[in-house]
Amino acid sequence: APAKGPAGVLAGRVVIALPLANPAVLQVISTGDEVIVLEPGTGARVTDAIVLQAPTAVSVGSSGEASAGLGSLSLASPRDPALFVAVPEGDAPRVASTFGPAGTGSGFVVAVRP
């Protein structure tokens, strides 16, 4: 079995919070799911990721914003839901550069593998 670090993440992977352009997908994501991270607009594949913690609840407010309960990893604003995933360490810079400077990106599209 591959070695895991102290946070239970496989060696060679890092933990990242992905802001989501499609927060409704949180309703079908479970811990351990494999997802494909796509750039909104172009649909270009950014990386593959493993979900570290599934949301406990998702609700959409009257103004259309989504909020997600992510347990102990919940650091995202309810208006900017994020999914906590493990990505290959070499892909982390690509994820960051695709999203852009803090606060300027609109989030990623996440496709769940069956």
C-alpha atoms as a PDB file:
ATOM      1  CA  ALA A   1       0.000   0.000   0.000  1.00  0.00           C
ATOM      2  CA  PRO A   2       1.229   3.531  -0.741  1.00  0.00           C
ATOM      3  CA  ALA A   3       2.662   5.444   2.223  1.00  0.00           C
ATOM      4  CA  LYS A   4       0.417   8.057   3.805  1.00  0.00           C
ATOM      5  CA  GLY A   5       1.450  11.239   5.556  1.00  0.00           C
ATOM      6  CA  PRO A   6       0.266  12.387   8.990  1.00  0.00           C
ATOM      7  CA  ALA A   7      -3.001  13.764   7.583  1.00  0.00           C
ATOM      8  CA  GLY A   8      -3.790  10.482   5.825  1.00  0.00           C
ATOM      9  CA  VAL A   9      -2.890  11.922   2.422  1.00  0.00           C
ATOM     10  CA  LEU A  10      -0.959   9.685   0.052  1.00  0.00           C
ATOM     11  CA  ALA A  11       2.701  10.520  -0.392  1.00  0.00           C
ATOM     12  CA  GLY A  12       3.235  12.753  -3.418  1.00  0.00           C
ATOM     13  CA  ARG A  13      -0.113  14.526  -2.971  1.00  0.00           C
ATOM     14  CA  VAL A  14      -1.010  17.791  -1.284  1.00  0.00           C
ATOM     15  CA  VAL A  15      -4.260  19.049   0.223  1.00  0.00           C
ATOM     16  CA  ILE A  16      -5.957  21.963  -1.491  1.00  0.00           C
ATOM     17  CA  ALA A  17      -9.301  23.716  -1.151  1.00  0.00           C
ATOM     18  CA  LEU A  18     -10.918  24.002  -4.568  1.00  0.00           C
ATOM     19  CA  PRO A  19     -13.359  26.871  -4.949  1.00  0.00           C
ATOM     20  CA  LEU A  20     -16.316  25.582  -6.950  1.00  0.00           C
ATOM     21  CA  ALA A  21     -18.067  27.096  -9.944  1.00  0.00           C
ATOM     22  CA  ASN A  22     -20.693  24.342  -9.697  1.00  0.00           C
ATOM     23  CA  PRO A  23     -21.500  23.977  -5.957  1.00  0.00           C
ATOM     24  CA  ALA A  24     -24.566  21.835  -6.674  1.00  0.00           C
ATOM     25  CA  VAL A  25     -22.135  18.960  -7.320  1.00  0.00           C
ATOM     26  CA  LEU A  26     -21.550  18.841  -3.539  1.00  0.00           C
ATOM     27  CA  GLN A  27     -24.880  17.019  -3.244  1.00  0.00           C
ATOM     28  CA  VAL A  28     -23.443  13.911  -4.923  1.00  0.00           C
ATOM     29  CA  ILE A  29     -19.837  13.896  -3.739  1.00  0.00           C
ATOM     30  CA  SER A  30     -18.602  11.476  -1.085  1.00  0.00           C
ATOM     31  CA  THR A  31     -15.325  11.106   0.771  1.00  0.00           C
ATOM     32  CA  GLY A  32     -12.904   9.093  -1.343  1.00  0.00           C
ATOM     33  CA  ASP A  33     -14.529   9.982  -4.673  1.00  0.00           C
ATOM     34  CA  GLU A  34     -12.206  10.614  -7.576  1.00  0.00           C
ATOM     35  CA  VAL A  35     -12.986  13.840  -9.397  1.00  0.00           C
ATOM     36  CA  ILE A  36     -11.733  15.588 -12.497  1.00  0.00           C
ATOM     37  CA  VAL A  37     -11.015  19.286 -12.001  1.00  0.00           C
ATOM     38  CA  LEU A  38     -11.875  21.384 -15.057  1.00  0.00           C
ATOM     39  CA  GLU A  39     -11.286  25.016 -15.912  1.00  0.00           C
ATOM     40  CA  PRO A  40     -14.594  26.869 -16.249  1.00  0.00           C
ATOM     41  CA  GLY A  41     -15.178  28.380 -19.659  1.00  0.00           C
ATOM     42  CA  THR A  42     -12.706  26.217 -21.580  1.00  0.00           C
ATOM     43  CA  GLY A  43     -13.374  22.855 -19.961  1.00  0.00           C
ATOM     44  CA  ALA A  44      -9.639  22.170 -19.984  1.00  0.00           C
ATOM     45  CA  ARG A  45      -8.582  19.439 -17.569  1.00  0.00           C
ATOM     46  CA  VAL A  46      -6.534  20.919 -14.726  1.00  0.00           C
ATOM     47  CA  THR A  47      -5.911  17.817 -12.601  1.00  0.00           C
ATOM     48  CA  ASP A  48      -7.437  14.710 -11.059  1.00  0.00           C
ATOM     49  CA  ALA A  49      -8.181  14.784  -7.337  1.00  0.00           C
ATOM     50  CA  ILE A  50      -9.403  12.625  -4.454  1.00  0.00           C
ATOM     51  CA  VAL A  51     -12.074  14.052  -2.155  1.00  0.00           C
ATOM     52  CA  LEU A  52     -10.796  14.146   1.414  1.00  0.00           C
ATOM     53  CA  GLN A  53     -14.000  15.014   3.185  1.00  0.00           C
ATOM     54  CA  ALA A  54     -17.512  14.931   1.823  1.00  0.00           C
ATOM     55  CA  PRO A  55     -19.887  17.758   2.613  1.00  0.00           C
ATOM     56  CA  THR A  56     -22.389  17.101   5.368  1.00  0.00           C
ATOM     57  CA  ALA A  57     -25.040  19.411   3.919  1.00  0.00           C
ATOM     58  CA  VAL A  58     -25.607  21.752   1.025  1.00  0.00           C
ATOM     59  CA  SER A  59     -28.256  24.412   0.818  1.00  0.00           C
ATOM     60  CA  VAL A  60     -28.920  27.233  -1.588  1.00  0.00           C
ATOM     61  CA  GLY A  61     -30.117  30.500  -0.123  1.00  0.00           C
ATOM     62  CA  SER A  62     -32.707  32.804  -1.632  1.00  0.00           C
ATOM     63  CA  SER A  63     -29.987  34.874  -3.291  1.00  0.00           C
ATOM     64  CA  GLY A  64     -28.614  31.742  -4.971  1.00  0.00           C
ATOM     65  CA  GLU A  65     -25.473  31.247  -2.931  1.00  0.00           C
ATOM     66  CA  ALA A  66     -24.663  27.762  -1.721  1.00  0.00           C
ATOM     67  CA  SER A  67     -23.370  26.818   1.683  1.00  0.00           C
ATOM     68  CA  ALA A  68     -21.704  23.575   2.542  1.00  0.00           C
ATOM     69  CA  GLY A  69     -21.009  21.939   5.866  1.00  0.00           C
ATOM     70  CA  LEU A  70     -17.580  20.392   5.548  1.00  0.00           C
ATOM     71  CA  GLY A  71     -17.014  19.438   9.156  1.00  0.00           C
ATOM     72  CA  SER A  72     -13.590  20.125  10.603  1.00  0.00           C
ATOM     73  CA  LEU A  73     -12.235  21.258   7.223  1.00  0.00           C
ATOM     74  CA  SER A  74     -14.844  23.976   6.790  1.00  0.00           C
ATOM     75  CA  LEU A  75     -12.874  27.125   6.117  1.00  0.00           C
ATOM     76  CA  ALA A  76     -14.672  28.382   3.024  1.00  0.00           C
ATOM     77  CA  SER A  77     -17.166  31.183   3.008  1.00  0.00           C
ATOM     78  CA  PRO A  78     -20.764  30.016   2.494  1.00  0.00           C
ATOM     79  CA  ARG A  79     -20.812  32.298  -0.557  1.00  0.00           C
ATOM     80  CA  ASP A  80     -17.665  30.653  -1.968  1.00  0.00           C
ATOM     81  CA  PRO A  81     -17.987  26.907  -1.330  1.00  0.00           C
ATOM     82  CA  ALA A  82     -14.803  24.892  -1.564  1.00  0.00           C
ATOM     83  CA  LEU A  83     -14.110  21.190  -1.791  1.00  0.00           C
ATOM     84  CA  PHE A  84     -11.104  19.807   0.073  1.00  0.00           C
ATOM     85  CA  VAL A  85      -9.143  17.423  -2.123  1.00  0.00           C
ATOM     86  CA  ALA A  86      -5.729  15.805  -2.509  1.00  0.00           C
ATOM     87  CA  VAL A  87      -3.982  16.525  -5.804  1.00  0.00           C
ATOM     88  CA  PRO A  88      -0.628  15.361  -7.151  1.00  0.00           C
ATOM     89  CA  GLU A  89       2.012  17.709  -5.744  1.00  0.00           C
ATOM     90  CA  GLY A  90       3.217  18.590  -9.239  1.00  0.00           C
ATOM     91  CA  ASP A  91      -0.280  19.779 -10.213  1.00  0.00           C
ATOM     92  CA  ALA A  92      -0.702  22.232  -7.312  1.00  0.00           C
ATOM     93  CA  PRO A  93       1.003  25.140  -9.143  1.00  0.00           C
ATOM     94  CA  ARG A  94      -1.232  24.536 -12.201  1.00  0.00           C
ATOM     95  CA  VAL A  95      -4.343  24.625  -9.990  1.00  0.00           C
ATOM     96  CA  ALA A  96      -3.184  27.888  -8.413  1.00  0.00           C
ATOM     97  CA  SER A  97      -2.273  29.563 -11.706  1.00  0.00           C
ATOM     98  CA  THR A  98      -5.508  28.439 -13.386  1.00  0.00           C
ATOM     99  CA  PHE A  99      -7.564  29.946 -10.559  1.00  0.00           C
ATOM    100  CA  GLY A 100      -5.596  33.191 -10.633  1.00  0.00           C
ATOM    101  CA  PRO A 101      -4.837  35.702  -7.899  1.00  0.00           C
ATOM    102  CA  ALA A 102      -6.829  35.307  -4.662  1.00  0.00           C
ATOM    103  CA  GLY A 103     -10.368  36.531  -5.023  1.00  0.00           C
ATOM    104  CA  THR A 104     -10.328  36.848  -8.822  1.00  0.00           C
ATOM    105  CA  GLY A 105     -11.264  33.330  -9.903  1.00  0.00           C
ATOM    106  CA  SER A 106     -14.793  32.044 -10.275  1.00  0.00           C
ATOM    107  CA  GLY A 107     -14.040  28.513  -9.115  1.00  0.00           C
ATOM    108  CA  PHE A 108     -13.520  25.203 -10.846  1.00  0.00           C
ATOM    109  CA  VAL A 109     -15.955  22.796 -12.419  1.00  0.00           C
ATOM    110  CA  VAL A 110     -15.693  19.366 -10.787  1.00  0.00           C
ATOM    111  CA  ALA A 111     -16.792  16.192 -12.547  1.00  0.00           C
ATOM    112  CA  VAL A 112     -17.326  13.110 -10.374  1.00  0.00           C
ATOM    113  CA  ARG A 113     -16.074   9.785 -11.690  1.00  0.00           C
ATOM    114  CA  PRO A 114     -18.643   6.981 -11.472  1.00  0.00           C
END
